[in-house]
mmCIF file of all heavy atoms, coordinates in Angstrom:
data_MODEL
# 
_entry.id   MODEL 
# 
loop_
_atom_site.group_PDB 
_atom_site.id 
_atom_site.type_symbol 
_atom_site.label_atom_id 
_atom_site.label_alt_id 
_atom_site.label_comp_id 
_atom_site.label_asym_id 
_atom_site.label_entity_id 
_atom_site.label_seq_id 
_atom_site.pdbx_PDB_ins_code 
_atom_site.Cartn_x 
_atom_site.Cartn_y 
_atom_site.Cartn_z 
_atom_site.occupancy 
_atom_site.B_iso_or_equiv 
_atom_site.pdbx_formal_charge 
_atom_site.auth_seq_id 
_atom_site.auth_comp_id 
_atom_site.auth_asym_id 
_atom_site.auth_atom_id 
_atom_site.pdbx_PDB_model_num 
ATOM 1   N N   . GLY A 1 1  ? 17.516 5.375   6.149   1.00 0.00 ? 1  GLY A N   1 
ATOM 2   C CA  . GLY A 1 1  ? 16.362 6.249   6.332   1.00 0.00 ? 1  GLY A CA  1 
ATOM 3   C C   . GLY A 1 1  ? 15.308 6.018   5.274   1.00 0.00 ? 1  GLY A C   1 
ATOM 4   O O   . GLY A 1 1  ? 14.103 6.073   5.546   1.00 0.00 ? 1  GLY A O   1 
ATOM 5   N N   . ALA A 1 2  ? 15.756 5.732   4.047   1.00 0.00 ? 2  ALA A N   1 
ATOM 6   C CA  . ALA A 1 2  ? 14.817 5.506   2.944   1.00 0.00 ? 2  ALA A CA  1 
ATOM 7   C C   . ALA A 1 2  ? 14.047 4.204   3.118   1.00 0.00 ? 2  ALA A C   1 
ATOM 8   O O   . ALA A 1 2  ? 12.872 4.104   2.736   1.00 0.00 ? 2  ALA A O   1 
ATOM 9   C CB  . ALA A 1 2  ? 15.570 5.503   1.622   1.00 0.00 ? 2  ALA A CB  1 
ATOM 10  N N   . ILE A 1 3  ? 14.681 3.207   3.692   1.00 0.00 ? 3  ILE A N   1 
ATOM 11  C CA  . ILE A 1 3  ? 14.042 1.893   3.804   1.00 0.00 ? 3  ILE A CA  1 
ATOM 12  C C   . ILE A 1 3  ? 13.313 1.705   5.135   1.00 0.00 ? 3  ILE A C   1 
ATOM 13  O O   . ILE A 1 3  ? 12.562 0.742   5.317   1.00 0.00 ? 3  ILE A O   1 
ATOM 14  C CB  . ILE A 1 3  ? 15.097 0.776   3.614   1.00 0.00 ? 3  ILE A CB  1 
ATOM 15  C CG1 . ILE A 1 3  ? 14.425 -0.528  3.200   1.00 0.00 ? 3  ILE A CG1 1 
ATOM 16  C CG2 . ILE A 1 3  ? 15.917 0.580   4.881   1.00 0.00 ? 3  ILE A CG2 1 
ATOM 17  C CD1 . ILE A 1 3  ? 15.400 -1.645  2.903   1.00 0.00 ? 3  ILE A CD1 1 
ATOM 18  N N   . ALA A 1 4  ? 13.513 2.638   6.086   1.00 0.00 ? 4  ALA A N   1 
ATOM 19  C CA  . ALA A 1 4  ? 12.928 2.494   7.430   1.00 0.00 ? 4  ALA A CA  1 
ATOM 20  C C   . ALA A 1 4  ? 11.403 2.401   7.391   1.00 0.00 ? 4  ALA A C   1 
ATOM 21  O O   . ALA A 1 4  ? 10.795 1.700   8.211   1.00 0.00 ? 4  ALA A O   1 
ATOM 22  C CB  . ALA A 1 4  ? 13.367 3.656   8.316   1.00 0.00 ? 4  ALA A CB  1 
ATOM 23  N N   . TYR A 1 5  ? 10.778 3.104   6.456   1.00 0.00 ? 5  TYR A N   1 
ATOM 24  C CA  . TYR A 1 5  ? 9.309  3.065   6.347   1.00 0.00 ? 5  TYR A CA  1 
ATOM 25  C C   . TYR A 1 5  ? 8.825  1.640   6.081   1.00 0.00 ? 5  TYR A C   1 
ATOM 26  O O   . TYR A 1 5  ? 7.789  1.214   6.613   1.00 0.00 ? 5  TYR A O   1 
ATOM 27  C CB  . TYR A 1 5  ? 8.855  3.992   5.216   1.00 0.00 ? 5  TYR A CB  1 
ATOM 28  C CG  . TYR A 1 5  ? 7.361  3.989   4.990   1.00 0.00 ? 5  TYR A CG  1 
ATOM 29  C CD1 . TYR A 1 5  ? 6.508  4.755   5.776   1.00 0.00 ? 5  TYR A CD1 1 
ATOM 30  C CD2 . TYR A 1 5  ? 6.800  3.199   3.982   1.00 0.00 ? 5  TYR A CD2 1 
ATOM 31  C CE1 . TYR A 1 5  ? 5.134  4.741   5.572   1.00 0.00 ? 5  TYR A CE1 1 
ATOM 32  C CE2 . TYR A 1 5  ? 5.434  3.186   3.761   1.00 0.00 ? 5  TYR A CE2 1 
ATOM 33  C CZ  . TYR A 1 5  ? 4.603  3.961   4.558   1.00 0.00 ? 5  TYR A CZ  1 
ATOM 34  O OH  . TYR A 1 5  ? 3.250  3.929   4.349   1.00 0.00 ? 5  TYR A OH  1 
ATOM 35  N N   . PHE A 1 6  ? 9.579  0.891   5.291   1.00 0.00 ? 6  PHE A N   1 
ATOM 36  C CA  . PHE A 1 6  ? 9.166  -0.459  4.904   1.00 0.00 ? 6  PHE A CA  1 
ATOM 37  C C   . PHE A 1 6  ? 9.582  -1.503  5.931   1.00 0.00 ? 6  PHE A C   1 
ATOM 38  O O   . PHE A 1 6  ? 9.041  -2.605  5.942   1.00 0.00 ? 6  PHE A O   1 
ATOM 39  C CB  . PHE A 1 6  ? 9.760  -0.807  3.540   1.00 0.00 ? 6  PHE A CB  1 
ATOM 40  C CG  . PHE A 1 6  ? 9.353  0.148   2.455   1.00 0.00 ? 6  PHE A CG  1 
ATOM 41  C CD1 . PHE A 1 6  ? 10.192 1.188   2.082   1.00 0.00 ? 6  PHE A CD1 1 
ATOM 42  C CD2 . PHE A 1 6  ? 8.130  0.031   1.833   1.00 0.00 ? 6  PHE A CD2 1 
ATOM 43  C CE1 . PHE A 1 6  ? 9.817  2.083   1.089   1.00 0.00 ? 6  PHE A CE1 1 
ATOM 44  C CE2 . PHE A 1 6  ? 7.743  0.914   0.839   1.00 0.00 ? 6  PHE A CE2 1 
ATOM 45  C CZ  . PHE A 1 6  ? 8.586  1.951   0.466   1.00 0.00 ? 6  PHE A CZ  1 
ATOM 46  N N   . THR A 1 7  ? 10.567 -1.189  6.778   1.00 0.00 ? 7  THR A N   1 
ATOM 47  C CA  . THR A 1 7  ? 11.015 -2.150  7.786   1.00 0.00 ? 7  THR A CA  1 
ATOM 48  C C   . THR A 1 7  ? 10.231 -2.038  9.089   1.00 0.00 ? 7  THR A C   1 
ATOM 49  O O   . THR A 1 7  ? 10.454 -2.826  10.005  1.00 0.00 ? 7  THR A O   1 
ATOM 50  C CB  . THR A 1 7  ? 12.507 -1.958  8.094   1.00 0.00 ? 7  THR A CB  1 
ATOM 51  O OG1 . THR A 1 7  ? 12.740 -0.607  8.522   1.00 0.00 ? 7  THR A OG1 1 
ATOM 52  C CG2 . THR A 1 7  ? 13.356 -2.255  6.870   1.00 0.00 ? 7  THR A CG2 1 
ATOM 53  N N   . ASN A 1 8  ? 9.335  -1.066  9.169   1.00 0.00 ? 8  ASN A N   1 
ATOM 54  C CA  . ASN A 1 8  ? 8.533  -0.891  10.379  1.00 0.00 ? 8  ASN A CA  1 
ATOM 55  C C   . ASN A 1 8  ? 7.039  -1.071  10.117  1.00 0.00 ? 8  ASN A C   1 
ATOM 56  O O   . ASN A 1 8  ? 6.213  -0.803  10.982  1.00 0.00 ? 8  ASN A O   1 
ATOM 57  C CB  . ASN A 1 8  ? 8.793  0.489   10.984  1.00 0.00 ? 8  ASN A CB  1 
ATOM 58  C CG  . ASN A 1 8  ? 10.150 0.579   11.645  1.00 0.00 ? 8  ASN A CG  1 
ATOM 59  O OD1 . ASN A 1 8  ? 10.311 0.228   12.805  1.00 0.00 ? 8  ASN A OD1 1 
ATOM 60  N ND2 . ASN A 1 8  ? 11.144 1.033   10.900  1.00 0.00 ? 8  ASN A ND2 1 
ATOM 61  N N   . LYS A 1 9  ? 6.709  -1.489  8.904   1.00 0.00 ? 9  LYS A N   1 
ATOM 62  C CA  . LYS A 1 9  ? 5.325  -1.776  8.545   1.00 0.00 ? 9  LYS A CA  1 
ATOM 63  C C   . LYS A 1 9  ? 5.289  -3.083  7.762   1.00 0.00 ? 9  LYS A C   1 
ATOM 64  O O   . LYS A 1 9  ? 6.316  -3.565  7.303   1.00 0.00 ? 9  LYS A O   1 
ATOM 65  C CB  . LYS A 1 9  ? 4.735  -0.646  7.690   1.00 0.00 ? 9  LYS A CB  1 
ATOM 66  C CG  . LYS A 1 9  ? 4.722  0.724   8.369   1.00 0.00 ? 9  LYS A CG  1 
ATOM 67  C CD  . LYS A 1 9  ? 4.158  1.787   7.435   1.00 0.00 ? 9  LYS A CD  1 
ATOM 68  C CE  . LYS A 1 9  ? 4.231  3.166   8.074   1.00 0.00 ? 9  LYS A CE  1 
ATOM 69  N NZ  . LYS A 1 9  ? 3.341  3.274   9.246   1.00 0.00 ? 9  LYS A NZ  1 
ATOM 70  N N   . GLU A 1 10 ? 4.110  -3.650  7.643   1.00 0.00 ? 10 GLU A N   1 
ATOM 71  C CA  . GLU A 1 10 ? 3.967  -4.825  6.802   1.00 0.00 ? 10 GLU A CA  1 
ATOM 72  C C   . GLU A 1 10 ? 2.626  -4.795  6.080   1.00 0.00 ? 10 GLU A C   1 
ATOM 73  O O   . GLU A 1 10 ? 1.660  -4.192  6.555   1.00 0.00 ? 10 GLU A O   1 
ATOM 74  C CB  . GLU A 1 10 ? 4.132  -6.115  7.610   1.00 0.00 ? 10 GLU A CB  1 
ATOM 75  C CG  . GLU A 1 10 ? 3.020  -6.440  8.556   1.00 0.00 ? 10 GLU A CG  1 
ATOM 76  C CD  . GLU A 1 10 ? 3.263  -7.768  9.276   1.00 0.00 ? 10 GLU A CD  1 
ATOM 77  O OE1 . GLU A 1 10 ? 4.411  -8.236  9.344   1.00 0.00 ? 10 GLU A OE1 1 
ATOM 78  O OE2 . GLU A 1 10 ? 2.272  -8.338  9.776   1.00 0.00 ? 10 GLU A OE2 1 
ATOM 79  N N   . TRP A 1 11 ? 2.598  -5.444  4.933   1.00 0.00 ? 11 TRP A N   1 
ATOM 80  C CA  . TRP A 1 11 ? 1.417  -5.472  4.086   1.00 0.00 ? 11 TRP A CA  1 
ATOM 81  C C   . TRP A 1 11 ? 1.102  -6.912  3.690   1.00 0.00 ? 11 TRP A C   1 
ATOM 82  O O   . TRP A 1 11 ? 1.999  -7.759  3.644   1.00 0.00 ? 11 TRP A O   1 
ATOM 83  C CB  . TRP A 1 11 ? 1.643  -4.650  2.820   1.00 0.00 ? 11 TRP A CB  1 
ATOM 84  C CG  . TRP A 1 11 ? 1.859  -3.192  3.056   1.00 0.00 ? 11 TRP A CG  1 
ATOM 85  C CD1 . TRP A 1 11 ? 0.923  -2.198  2.985   1.00 0.00 ? 11 TRP A CD1 1 
ATOM 86  C CD2 . TRP A 1 11 ? 3.095  -2.543  3.380   1.00 0.00 ? 11 TRP A CD2 1 
ATOM 87  N NE1 . TRP A 1 11 ? 1.505  -0.976  3.251   1.00 0.00 ? 11 TRP A NE1 1 
ATOM 88  C CE2 . TRP A 1 11 ? 2.830  -1.153  3.499   1.00 0.00 ? 11 TRP A CE2 1 
ATOM 89  C CE3 . TRP A 1 11 ? 4.395  -2.981  3.600   1.00 0.00 ? 11 TRP A CE3 1 
ATOM 90  C CZ2 . TRP A 1 11 ? 3.799  -0.221  3.815   1.00 0.00 ? 11 TRP A CZ2 1 
ATOM 91  C CZ3 . TRP A 1 11 ? 5.375  -2.057  3.917   1.00 0.00 ? 11 TRP A CZ3 1 
ATOM 92  C CH2 . TRP A 1 11 ? 5.074  -0.698  4.026   1.00 0.00 ? 11 TRP A CH2 1 
ATOM 93  N N   . ASN A 1 12 ? -0.161 -7.154  3.409   1.00 0.00 ? 12 ASN A N   1 
ATOM 94  C CA  . ASN A 1 12 ? -0.592 -8.453  2.893   1.00 0.00 ? 12 ASN A CA  1 
ATOM 95  C C   . ASN A 1 12 ? -0.983 -8.286  1.428   1.00 0.00 ? 12 ASN A C   1 
ATOM 96  O O   . ASN A 1 12 ? -1.960 -7.604  1.116   1.00 0.00 ? 12 ASN A O   1 
ATOM 97  C CB  . ASN A 1 12 ? -1.778 -8.989  3.700   1.00 0.00 ? 12 ASN A CB  1 
ATOM 98  C CG  . ASN A 1 12 ? -1.387 -9.346  5.117   1.00 0.00 ? 12 ASN A CG  1 
ATOM 99  O OD1 . ASN A 1 12 ? -0.349 -9.956  5.345   1.00 0.00 ? 12 ASN A OD1 1 
ATOM 100 N ND2 . ASN A 1 12 ? -2.219 -8.960  6.076   1.00 0.00 ? 12 ASN A ND2 1 
ATOM 101 N N   . PHE A 1 13 ? -0.203 -8.887  0.553   1.00 0.00 ? 13 PHE A N   1 
ATOM 102 C CA  . PHE A 1 13 ? -0.430 -8.750  -0.880  1.00 0.00 ? 13 PHE A CA  1 
ATOM 103 C C   . PHE A 1 13 ? -1.186 -9.958  -1.423  1.00 0.00 ? 13 PHE A C   1 
ATOM 104 O O   . PHE A 1 13 ? -0.946 -11.095 -0.993  1.00 0.00 ? 13 PHE A O   1 
ATOM 105 C CB  . PHE A 1 13 ? 0.902  -8.605  -1.628  1.00 0.00 ? 13 PHE A CB  1 
ATOM 106 C CG  . PHE A 1 13 ? 1.652  -7.344  -1.299  1.00 0.00 ? 13 PHE A CG  1 
ATOM 107 C CD1 . PHE A 1 13 ? 2.723  -7.359  -0.432  1.00 0.00 ? 13 PHE A CD1 1 
ATOM 108 C CD2 . PHE A 1 13 ? 1.266  -6.136  -1.870  1.00 0.00 ? 13 PHE A CD2 1 
ATOM 109 C CE1 . PHE A 1 13 ? 3.414  -6.203  -0.129  1.00 0.00 ? 13 PHE A CE1 1 
ATOM 110 C CE2 . PHE A 1 13 ? 1.945  -4.974  -1.582  1.00 0.00 ? 13 PHE A CE2 1 
ATOM 111 C CZ  . PHE A 1 13 ? 3.028  -5.000  -0.715  1.00 0.00 ? 13 PHE A CZ  1 
ATOM 112 N N   . GLU A 1 14 ? -2.029 -9.711  -2.390  1.00 0.00 ? 14 GLU A N   1 
ATOM 113 C CA  . GLU A 1 14 ? -2.749 -10.774 -3.083  1.00 0.00 ? 14 GLU A CA  1 
ATOM 114 C C   . GLU A 1 14 ? -1.846 -11.349 -4.177  1.00 0.00 ? 14 GLU A C   1 
ATOM 115 O O   . GLU A 1 14 ? -1.337 -10.615 -5.018  1.00 0.00 ? 14 GLU A O   1 
ATOM 116 C CB  . GLU A 1 14 ? -4.034 -10.223 -3.687  1.00 0.00 ? 14 GLU A CB  1 
ATOM 117 C CG  . GLU A 1 14 ? -4.794 -11.217 -4.541  1.00 0.00 ? 14 GLU A CG  1 
ATOM 118 C CD  . GLU A 1 14 ? -5.237 -12.429 -3.740  1.00 0.00 ? 14 GLU A CD  1 
ATOM 119 O OE1 . GLU A 1 14 ? -5.965 -12.236 -2.751  1.00 0.00 ? 14 GLU A OE1 1 
ATOM 120 O OE2 . GLU A 1 14 ? -4.846 -13.556 -4.116  1.00 0.00 ? 14 GLU A OE2 1 
ATOM 121 N N   . THR A 1 15 ? -1.630 -12.661 -4.157  1.00 0.00 ? 15 THR A N   1 
ATOM 122 C CA  . THR A 1 15 ? -0.727 -13.290 -5.129  1.00 0.00 ? 15 THR A CA  1 
ATOM 123 C C   . THR A 1 15 ? -1.448 -14.280 -6.042  1.00 0.00 ? 15 THR A C   1 
ATOM 124 O O   . THR A 1 15 ? -0.813 -15.123 -6.664  1.00 0.00 ? 15 THR A O   1 
ATOM 125 C CB  . THR A 1 15 ? 0.421  -14.007 -4.390  1.00 0.00 ? 15 THR A CB  1 
ATOM 126 O OG1 . THR A 1 15 ? -0.125 -15.000 -3.513  1.00 0.00 ? 15 THR A OG1 1 
ATOM 127 C CG2 . THR A 1 15 ? 1.254  -13.022 -3.593  1.00 0.00 ? 15 THR A CG2 1 
ATOM 128 N N   . LYS A 1 16 ? -2.759 -14.194 -6.103  1.00 0.00 ? 16 LYS A N   1 
ATOM 129 C CA  . LYS A 1 16 ? -3.538 -15.141 -6.915  1.00 0.00 ? 16 LYS A CA  1 
ATOM 130 C C   . LYS A 1 16 ? -3.148 -15.062 -8.385  1.00 0.00 ? 16 LYS A C   1 
ATOM 131 O O   . LYS A 1 16 ? -2.984 -16.094 -9.046  1.00 0.00 ? 16 LYS A O   1 
ATOM 132 C CB  . LYS A 1 16 ? -5.029 -14.854 -6.744  1.00 0.00 ? 16 LYS A CB  1 
ATOM 133 C CG  . LYS A 1 16 ? -5.937 -15.795 -7.529  1.00 0.00 ? 16 LYS A CG  1 
ATOM 134 C CD  . LYS A 1 16 ? -7.404 -15.519 -7.231  1.00 0.00 ? 16 LYS A CD  1 
ATOM 135 C CE  . LYS A 1 16 ? -7.784 -14.119 -7.684  1.00 0.00 ? 16 LYS A CE  1 
ATOM 136 N NZ  . LYS A 1 16 ? -9.239 -13.857 -7.499  1.00 0.00 ? 16 LYS A NZ  1 
ATOM 137 N N   . ASN A 1 17 ? -2.984 -13.855 -8.916  1.00 0.00 ? 17 ASN A N   1 
ATOM 138 C CA  . ASN A 1 17 ? -2.624 -13.702 -10.330 1.00 0.00 ? 17 ASN A CA  1 
ATOM 139 C C   . ASN A 1 17 ? -1.253 -14.289 -10.626 1.00 0.00 ? 17 ASN A C   1 
ATOM 140 O O   . ASN A 1 17 ? -1.046 -14.975 -11.637 1.00 0.00 ? 17 ASN A O   1 
ATOM 141 C CB  . ASN A 1 17 ? -2.650 -12.225 -10.717 1.00 0.00 ? 17 ASN A CB  1 
ATOM 142 C CG  . ASN A 1 17 ? -4.055 -11.673 -10.808 1.00 0.00 ? 17 ASN A CG  1 
ATOM 143 O OD1 . ASN A 1 17 ? -5.017 -12.426 -10.790 1.00 0.00 ? 17 ASN A OD1 1 
ATOM 144 N ND2 . ASN A 1 17 ? -4.180 -10.357 -10.907 1.00 0.00 ? 17 ASN A ND2 1 
ATOM 145 N N   . MET A 1 18 ? -0.285 -14.013 -9.732  1.00 0.00 ? 18 MET A N   1 
ATOM 146 C CA  . MET A 1 18 ? 1.072  -14.525 -9.944  1.00 0.00 ? 18 MET A CA  1 
ATOM 147 C C   . MET A 1 18 ? 1.103  -16.046 -9.819  1.00 0.00 ? 18 MET A C   1 
ATOM 148 O O   . MET A 1 18 ? 1.798  -16.724 -10.586 1.00 0.00 ? 18 MET A O   1 
ATOM 149 C CB  . MET A 1 18 ? 2.018  -13.886 -8.922  1.00 0.00 ? 18 MET A CB  1 
ATOM 150 C CG  . MET A 1 18 ? 3.485  -14.052 -9.238  1.00 0.00 ? 18 MET A CG  1 
ATOM 151 S SD  . MET A 1 18 ? 3.983  -13.151 -10.715 1.00 0.00 ? 18 MET A SD  1 
ATOM 152 C CE  . MET A 1 18 ? 4.866  -14.410 -11.600 1.00 0.00 ? 18 MET A CE  1 
ATOM 153 N N   . ARG A 1 19 ? 0.332  -16.595 -8.902  1.00 0.00 ? 19 ARG A N   1 
ATOM 154 C CA  . ARG A 1 19 ? 0.295  -18.046 -8.731  1.00 0.00 ? 19 ARG A CA  1 
ATOM 155 C C   . ARG A 1 19 ? -0.311 -18.712 -9.958  1.00 0.00 ? 19 ARG A C   1 
ATOM 156 O O   . ARG A 1 19 ? 0.119  -19.800 -10.363 1.00 0.00 ? 19 ARG A O   1 
ATOM 157 C CB  . ARG A 1 19 ? -0.510 -18.376 -7.470  1.00 0.00 ? 19 ARG A CB  1 
ATOM 158 C CG  . ARG A 1 19 ? -0.686 -19.856 -7.164  1.00 0.00 ? 19 ARG A CG  1 
ATOM 159 C CD  . ARG A 1 19 ? 0.595  -20.638 -7.186  1.00 0.00 ? 19 ARG A CD  1 
ATOM 160 N NE  . ARG A 1 19 ? 1.634  -20.071 -6.337  1.00 0.00 ? 19 ARG A NE  1 
ATOM 161 C CZ  . ARG A 1 19 ? 2.886  -20.529 -6.316  1.00 0.00 ? 19 ARG A CZ  1 
ATOM 162 N NH1 . ARG A 1 19 ? 3.253  -21.528 -7.107  1.00 0.00 ? 19 ARG A NH1 1 
ATOM 163 N NH2 . ARG A 1 19 ? 3.771  -19.955 -5.531  1.00 0.00 ? 19 ARG A NH2 1 
ATOM 164 N N   . MET A 1 20 ? -1.275 -18.067 -10.579 1.00 0.00 ? 20 MET A N   1 
ATOM 165 C CA  . MET A 1 20 ? -1.888 -18.598 -11.800 1.00 0.00 ? 20 MET A CA  1 
ATOM 166 C C   . MET A 1 20 ? -0.853 -18.696 -12.920 1.00 0.00 ? 20 MET A C   1 
ATOM 167 O O   . MET A 1 20 ? -0.815 -19.684 -13.670 1.00 0.00 ? 20 MET A O   1 
ATOM 168 C CB  . MET A 1 20 ? -3.047 -17.703 -12.228 1.00 0.00 ? 20 MET A CB  1 
ATOM 169 C CG  . MET A 1 20 ? -3.760 -18.146 -13.499 1.00 0.00 ? 20 MET A CG  1 
ATOM 170 S SD  . MET A 1 20 ? -5.222 -17.133 -13.836 1.00 0.00 ? 20 MET A SD  1 
ATOM 171 C CE  . MET A 1 20 ? -4.461 -15.487 -13.944 1.00 0.00 ? 20 MET A CE  1 
ATOM 172 N N   . VAL A 1 21 ? 0.012  -17.678 -13.024 1.00 0.00 ? 21 VAL A N   1 
ATOM 173 C CA  . VAL A 1 21 ? 1.072  -17.692 -14.030 1.00 0.00 ? 21 VAL A CA  1 
ATOM 174 C C   . VAL A 1 21 ? 2.044  -18.841 -13.759 1.00 0.00 ? 21 VAL A C   1 
ATOM 175 O O   . VAL A 1 21 ? 2.420  -19.590 -14.665 1.00 0.00 ? 21 VAL A O   1 
ATOM 176 C CB  . VAL A 1 21 ? 1.818  -16.347 -14.044 1.00 0.00 ? 21 VAL A CB  1 
ATOM 177 C CG1 . VAL A 1 21 ? 3.024  -16.410 -14.990 1.00 0.00 ? 21 VAL A CG1 1 
ATOM 178 C CG2 . VAL A 1 21 ? 0.889  -15.213 -14.441 1.00 0.00 ? 21 VAL A CG2 1 
ATOM 179 N N   . LEU A 1 22 ? 2.454  -18.981 -12.518 1.00 0.00 ? 22 LEU A N   1 
ATOM 180 C CA  . LEU A 1 22 ? 3.431  -20.011 -12.153 1.00 0.00 ? 22 LEU A CA  1 
ATOM 181 C C   . LEU A 1 22 ? 2.874  -21.411 -12.403 1.00 0.00 ? 22 LEU A C   1 
ATOM 182 O O   . LEU A 1 22 ? 3.597  -22.305 -12.864 1.00 0.00 ? 22 LEU A O   1 
ATOM 183 C CB  . LEU A 1 22 ? 3.828  -19.852 -10.677 1.00 0.00 ? 22 LEU A CB  1 
ATOM 184 C CG  . LEU A 1 22 ? 4.539  -18.553 -10.307 1.00 0.00 ? 22 LEU A CG  1 
ATOM 185 C CD1 . LEU A 1 22 ? 4.742  -18.471 -8.797  1.00 0.00 ? 22 LEU A CD1 1 
ATOM 186 C CD2 . LEU A 1 22 ? 5.873  -18.431 -11.022 1.00 0.00 ? 22 LEU A CD2 1 
ATOM 187 N N   . ASP A 1 23 ? 1.607  -21.617 -12.110 1.00 0.00 ? 23 ASP A N   1 
ATOM 188 C CA  . ASP A 1 23 ? 0.997  -22.943 -12.307 1.00 0.00 ? 23 ASP A CA  1 
ATOM 189 C C   . ASP A 1 23 ? 0.859  -23.300 -13.783 1.00 0.00 ? 23 ASP A C   1 
ATOM 190 O O   . ASP A 1 23 ? 0.866  -24.488 -14.150 1.00 0.00 ? 23 ASP A O   1 
ATOM 191 C CB  . ASP A 1 23 ? -0.380 -22.980 -11.637 1.00 0.00 ? 23 ASP A CB  1 
ATOM 192 C CG  . ASP A 1 23 ? -0.293 -22.938 -10.121 1.00 0.00 ? 23 ASP A CG  1 
ATOM 193 O OD1 . ASP A 1 23 ? 0.796  -23.238 -9.589  1.00 0.00 ? 23 ASP A OD1 1 
ATOM 194 O OD2 . ASP A 1 23 ? -1.295 -22.592 -9.471  1.00 0.00 ? 23 ASP A OD2 1 
ATOM 195 N N   . ASP A 1 24 ? 0.748  -22.292 -14.642 1.00 0.00 ? 24 ASP A N   1 
ATOM 196 C CA  . ASP A 1 24 ? 0.598  -22.544 -16.079 1.00 0.00 ? 24 ASP A CA  1 
ATOM 197 C C   . ASP A 1 24 ? 1.939  -22.725 -16.794 1.00 0.00 ? 24 ASP A C   1 
ATOM 198 O O   . ASP A 1 24 ? 1.963  -23.114 -17.975 1.00 0.00 ? 24 ASP A O   1 
ATOM 199 C CB  . ASP A 1 24 ? -0.173 -21.392 -16.732 1.00 0.00 ? 24 ASP A CB  1 
ATOM 200 C CG  . ASP A 1 24 ? -1.658 -21.440 -16.417 1.00 0.00 ? 24 ASP A CG  1 
ATOM 201 O OD1 . ASP A 1 24 ? -2.127 -22.502 -15.966 1.00 0.00 ? 24 ASP A OD1 1 
ATOM 202 O OD2 . ASP A 1 24 ? -2.348 -20.409 -16.596 1.00 0.00 ? 24 ASP A OD2 1 
ATOM 203 N N   . MET A 1 25 ? 3.032  -22.448 -16.128 1.00 0.00 ? 25 MET A N   1 
ATOM 204 C CA  . MET A 1 25 ? 4.356  -22.606 -16.751 1.00 0.00 ? 25 MET A CA  1 
ATOM 205 C C   . MET A 1 25 ? 4.739  -24.080 -16.814 1.00 0.00 ? 25 MET A C   1 
ATOM 206 O O   . MET A 1 25 ? 4.434  -24.851 -15.901 1.00 0.00 ? 25 MET A O   1 
ATOM 207 C CB  . MET A 1 25 ? 5.420  -21.817 -15.962 1.00 0.00 ? 25 MET A CB  1 
ATOM 208 C CG  . MET A 1 25 ? 5.240  -20.312 -16.008 1.00 0.00 ? 25 MET A CG  1 
ATOM 209 S SD  . MET A 1 25 ? 6.402  -19.426 -14.903 1.00 0.00 ? 25 MET A SD  1 
ATOM 210 C CE  . MET A 1 25 ? 7.992  -19.814 -15.691 1.00 0.00 ? 25 MET A CE  1 
ATOM 211 N N   . SER A 1 26 ? 5.416  -24.444 -17.872 1.00 0.00 ? 26 SER A N   1 
ATOM 212 C CA  . SER A 1 26 ? 5.900  -25.830 -17.987 1.00 0.00 ? 26 SER A CA  1 
ATOM 213 C C   . SER A 1 26 ? 7.082  -26.042 -17.046 1.00 0.00 ? 26 SER A C   1 
ATOM 214 O O   . SER A 1 26 ? 7.664  -25.089 -16.531 1.00 0.00 ? 26 SER A O   1 
ATOM 215 C CB  . SER A 1 26 ? 6.322  -26.112 -19.428 1.00 0.00 ? 26 SER A CB  1 
ATOM 216 O OG  . SER A 1 26 ? 7.465  -25.337 -19.777 1.00 0.00 ? 26 SER A OG  1 
# 
């Protein structure tokens, strides 16, 4: 019941900041 809200909807998240971190890692 707690997770049903998230299994019946979807979102589009911006990942530009996270991708910038990953690209700068050795």
